[in-house]
C-alpha atoms as a PDB file:
ATOM      1  CA  UNK A   1      12.579   8.579  -1.632  1.00  0.00           C
ATOM      2  CA  UNK A   2      11.456   5.192  -0.360  1.00  0.00           C
ATOM      3  CA  UNK A   3      10.664   5.322   3.340  1.00  0.00           C
ATOM      4  CA  UNK A   4       8.286   4.379   6.127  1.00  0.00           C
ATOM      5  CA  UNK A   5       7.107   7.252   8.309  1.00  0.00           C
ATOM      6  CA  UNK A   6       5.694   6.479  11.752  1.00  0.00           C
ATOM      7  CA  UNK A   7       3.555   8.597  14.027  1.00  0.00           C
ATOM      8  CA  UNK A   8       1.274   8.285  17.031  1.00  0.00           C
ATOM      9  CA  UNK A   9       3.576   7.481  19.934  1.00  0.00           C
ATOM     10  CA  UNK A  10       3.502   9.278  23.256  1.00  0.00           C
ATOM     11  CA  UNK A  11       2.959   9.050  26.994  1.00  0.00           C
ATOM     12  CA  UNK A  12      -0.115   7.216  28.249  1.00  0.00           C
ATOM     13  CA  UNK A  13      -1.279   5.946  31.620  1.00  0.00           C
ATOM     14  CA  UNK A  14      -1.602   2.210  32.323  1.00  0.00           C
ATOM     15  CA  UNK A  15      -4.856   0.942  30.874  1.00  0.00           C
ATOM     16  CA  UNK A  16      -4.864   3.623  28.211  1.00  0.00           C
ATOM     17  CA  UNK A  17      -4.801   3.406  24.413  1.00  0.00           C
ATOM     18  CA  UNK A  18      -2.675   4.623  21.525  1.00  0.00           C
ATOM     19  CA  UNK A  19      -2.807   4.126  17.770  1.00  0.00           C
ATOM     20  CA  UNK A  20       0.401   4.067  15.768  1.00  0.00           C
ATOM     21  CA  UNK A  21       0.536   4.775  12.040  1.00  0.00           C
ATOM     22  CA  UNK A  22       3.134   3.804   9.449  1.00  0.00           C
ATOM     23  CA  UNK A  23       2.782   5.516   6.084  1.00  0.00           C
ATOM     24  CA  UNK A  24       4.660   4.282   3.054  1.00  0.00           C
ATOM     25  CA  UNK A  25       6.342   6.870   0.868  1.00  0.00           C
ATOM     26  CA  UNK A  26       7.349   5.533  -2.534  1.00  0.00           C
ATOM     27  CA  UNK A  27       6.692   2.062  -1.093  1.00  0.00           C
ATOM     28  CA  UNK A  28       3.479   0.103  -1.758  1.00  0.00           C
ATOM     29  CA  UNK A  29       2.700  -1.346   1.659  1.00  0.00           C
ATOM     30  CA  UNK A  30      -0.061  -3.605   0.333  1.00  0.00           C
ATOM     31  CA  UNK A  31       2.461  -5.650  -1.665  1.00  0.00           C
ATOM     32  CA  UNK A  32       4.653  -6.607   1.286  1.00  0.00           C
ATOM     33  CA  UNK A  33       4.594  -8.404   4.603  1.00  0.00           C
ATOM     34  CA  UNK A  34       4.565  -5.649   7.222  1.00  0.00           C
ATOM     35  CA  UNK A  35       5.561  -5.874  10.867  1.00  0.00           C
ATOM     36  CA  UNK A  36       5.503  -3.753  13.967  1.00  0.00           C
ATOM     37  CA  UNK A  37       8.540  -4.351  16.147  1.00  0.00           C
ATOM     38  CA  UNK A  38       9.502  -2.861  19.484  1.00  0.00           C
ATOM     39  CA  UNK A  39      12.641  -2.489  21.562  1.00  0.00           C
ATOM     40  CA  UNK A  40      12.514  -1.856  25.278  1.00  0.00           C
ATOM     41  CA  UNK A  41      15.557  -0.587  27.193  1.00  0.00           C
ATOM     42  CA  UNK A  42      18.047  -3.397  27.711  1.00  0.00           C
ATOM     43  CA  UNK A  43      16.054  -5.852  25.617  1.00  0.00           C
ATOM     44  CA  UNK A  44      16.284  -7.193  22.115  1.00  0.00           C
ATOM     45  CA  UNK A  45      14.000  -5.933  19.386  1.00  0.00           C
ATOM     46  CA  UNK A  46      10.950  -8.184  19.033  1.00  0.00           C
ATOM     47  CA  UNK A  47       8.172  -8.614  16.502  1.00  0.00           C
ATOM     48  CA  UNK A  48       4.905  -7.490  18.058  1.00  0.00           C
ATOM     49  CA  UNK A  49       2.531  -8.019  15.142  1.00  0.00           C
ATOM     50  CA  UNK A  50       2.645  -8.822  11.456  1.00  0.00           C
ATOM     51  CA  UNK A  51       0.263  -8.761   8.513  1.00  0.00           C
ATOM     52  CA  UNK A  52       0.935 -10.541   5.248  1.00  0.00           C
ATOM     53  CA  UNK A  53       0.461  -8.981   1.852  1.00  0.00           C
ATOM     54  CA  UNK A  54      -2.013 -10.905  -0.281  1.00  0.00           C
ATOM     55  CA  UNK A  55      -3.959 -12.979   2.231  1.00  0.00           C
ATOM     56  CA  UNK A  56      -3.786 -10.574   5.151  1.00  0.00           C
ATOM     57  CA  UNK A  57      -2.756 -13.286   7.612  1.00  0.00           C
ATOM     58  CA  UNK A  58      -2.142 -11.669  10.992  1.00  0.00           C
ATOM     59  CA  UNK A  59       0.055 -12.802  13.860  1.00  0.00           C
ATOM     60  CA  UNK A  60       0.775 -11.376  17.314  1.00  0.00           C
ATOM     61  CA  UNK A  61       3.317 -12.071  20.003  1.00  0.00           C
ATOM     62  CA  UNK A  62       1.425 -13.739  22.903  1.00  0.00           C
ATOM     63  CA  UNK A  63       1.984 -10.825  25.292  1.00  0.00           C
ATOM     64  CA  UNK A  64      -0.157  -8.467  23.172  1.00  0.00           C
ATOM     65  CA  UNK A  65      -2.883 -10.808  21.893  1.00  0.00           C
ATOM     66  CA  UNK A  66      -6.321  -9.430  22.651  1.00  0.00           C
ATOM     67  CA  UNK A  67      -4.920  -5.949  23.320  1.00  0.00           C
ATOM     68  CA  UNK A  68      -3.202  -4.906  20.066  1.00  0.00           C
ATOM     69  CA  UNK A  69      -4.672  -4.855  16.563  1.00  0.00           C
ATOM     70  CA  UNK A  70      -2.667  -4.528  13.353  1.00  0.00           C
ATOM     71  CA  UNK A  71      -4.448  -3.356  10.225  1.00  0.00           C
ATOM     72  CA  UNK A  72      -3.686  -1.969   6.809  1.00  0.00           C
ATOM     73  CA  UNK A  73      -5.457   0.682   4.737  1.00  0.00           C
ATOM     74  CA  UNK A  74      -4.380   0.163   1.138  1.00  0.00           C
ATOM     75  CA  UNK A  75      -6.016   3.387  -0.055  1.00  0.00           C
ATOM     76  CA  UNK A  76      -3.987   5.349   2.498  1.00  0.00           C
ATOM     77  CA  UNK A  77      -0.895   3.144   1.993  1.00  0.00           C
ATOM     78  CA  UNK A  78      -0.675   2.930   5.772  1.00  0.00           C
ATOM     79  CA  UNK A  79      -0.302   0.212   8.400  1.00  0.00           C
ATOM     80  CA  UNK A  80      -1.716   0.785  11.864  1.00  0.00           C
ATOM     81  CA  UNK A  81      -1.144  -0.670  15.305  1.00  0.00           C
ATOM     82  CA  UNK A  82      -3.987   0.011  17.715  1.00  0.00           C
ATOM     83  CA  UNK A  83      -2.945  -0.626  21.299  1.00  0.00           C
ATOM     84  CA  UNK A  84      -5.405  -0.930  24.179  1.00  0.00           C
ATOM     85  CA  UNK A  85      -5.111  -1.838  27.865  1.00  0.00           C
ATOM     86  CA  UNK A  86      -1.526  -0.684  27.782  1.00  0.00           C
ATOM     87  CA  UNK A  87       0.855  -1.875  30.475  1.00  0.00           C
ATOM     88  CA  UNK A  88       4.142  -0.502  31.735  1.00  0.00           C
ATOM     89  CA  UNK A  89       5.926  -3.416  30.052  1.00  0.00           C
ATOM     90  CA  UNK A  90       4.689  -2.143  26.681  1.00  0.00           C
ATOM     91  CA  UNK A  91       7.025   0.833  27.053  1.00  0.00           C
ATOM     92  CA  UNK A  92       9.444   0.722  24.114  1.00  0.00           C
ATOM     93  CA  UNK A  93      10.419   2.304  20.833  1.00  0.00           C
ATOM     94  CA  UNK A  94       8.074   0.929  18.187  1.00  0.00           C
ATOM     95  CA  UNK A  95       9.261   0.424  14.617  1.00  0.00           C
ATOM     96  CA  UNK A  96       7.440  -0.287  11.402  1.00  0.00           C
ATOM     97  CA  UNK A  97       9.372  -2.853   9.333  1.00  0.00           C
ATOM     98  CA  UNK A  98       9.124  -4.459   5.915  1.00  0.00           C
ATOM     99  CA  UNK A  99      11.366  -7.567   6.128  1.00  0.00           C
ATOM    100  CA  UNK A 100      11.682  -7.529   2.354  1.00  0.00           C
ATOM    101  CA  UNK A 101      13.456  -5.279   1.398  1.00  0.00           C
ATOM    102  CA  UNK A 102      14.488  -4.711   5.059  1.00  0.00           C
ATOM    103  CA  UNK A 103      12.987  -1.238   5.199  1.00  0.00           C
ATOM    104  CA  UNK A 104      12.571   0.391   8.639  1.00  0.00           C
ATOM    105  CA  UNK A 105      10.694   3.358   9.959  1.00  0.00           C
ATOM    106  CA  UNK A 106      12.428   5.876  12.206  1.00  0.00           C
ATOM    107  CA  UNK A 107      10.755   4.568  15.368  1.00  0.00           C
ATOM    108  CA  UNK A 108       8.271   6.175  17.721  1.00  0.00           C
ATOM    109  CA  UNK A 109       8.483   6.166  21.519  1.00  0.00           C
ATOM    110  CA  UNK A 110       5.625   4.691  23.535  1.00  0.00           C
ATOM    111  CA  UNK A 111       5.789   5.259  27.284  1.00  0.00           C
ATOM    112  CA  UNK A 112       3.230   3.747  29.623  1.00  0.00           C
ATOM    113  CA  UNK A 113       3.478   5.342  33.044  1.00  0.00           C
ATOM    114  CA  UNK A 114       1.334   6.904  35.726  1.00  0.00           C
END
C-alpha cells in the first residue's frame, strides 16, 4: 500500500523544538518533490517547506525561515521537518505531501502552548 506515515507531533512550550518525520511506504520519496504543509484552525492549508527531488532545492514560507529545517534521508526513505523556536502561531495540523501524485500523510498535531 502506497502511503506517507507521519510522526513526531505533540505539545511543546513556546521556544521549544519538535522534529516531524514522514516515512514513505511503497513510495520512493527521493524521486519526488516533497512538501510539509500545515493547517491552523480557521485558516487555509499552507506550504511550510519543500524539497525537490534531484537537486534538493529547498524553500520555506517566510514565517518559518531560520527556525524550520526540511531534510530528506534517502536510505530511510523519510522526510523530516525540524522545528525550533516554536511560537503559538505555529500551532496547526502538519501534513506531509507529495504534489505528484497528490499523496498526503494522515497529519500530525503540533500545539505550541504554555
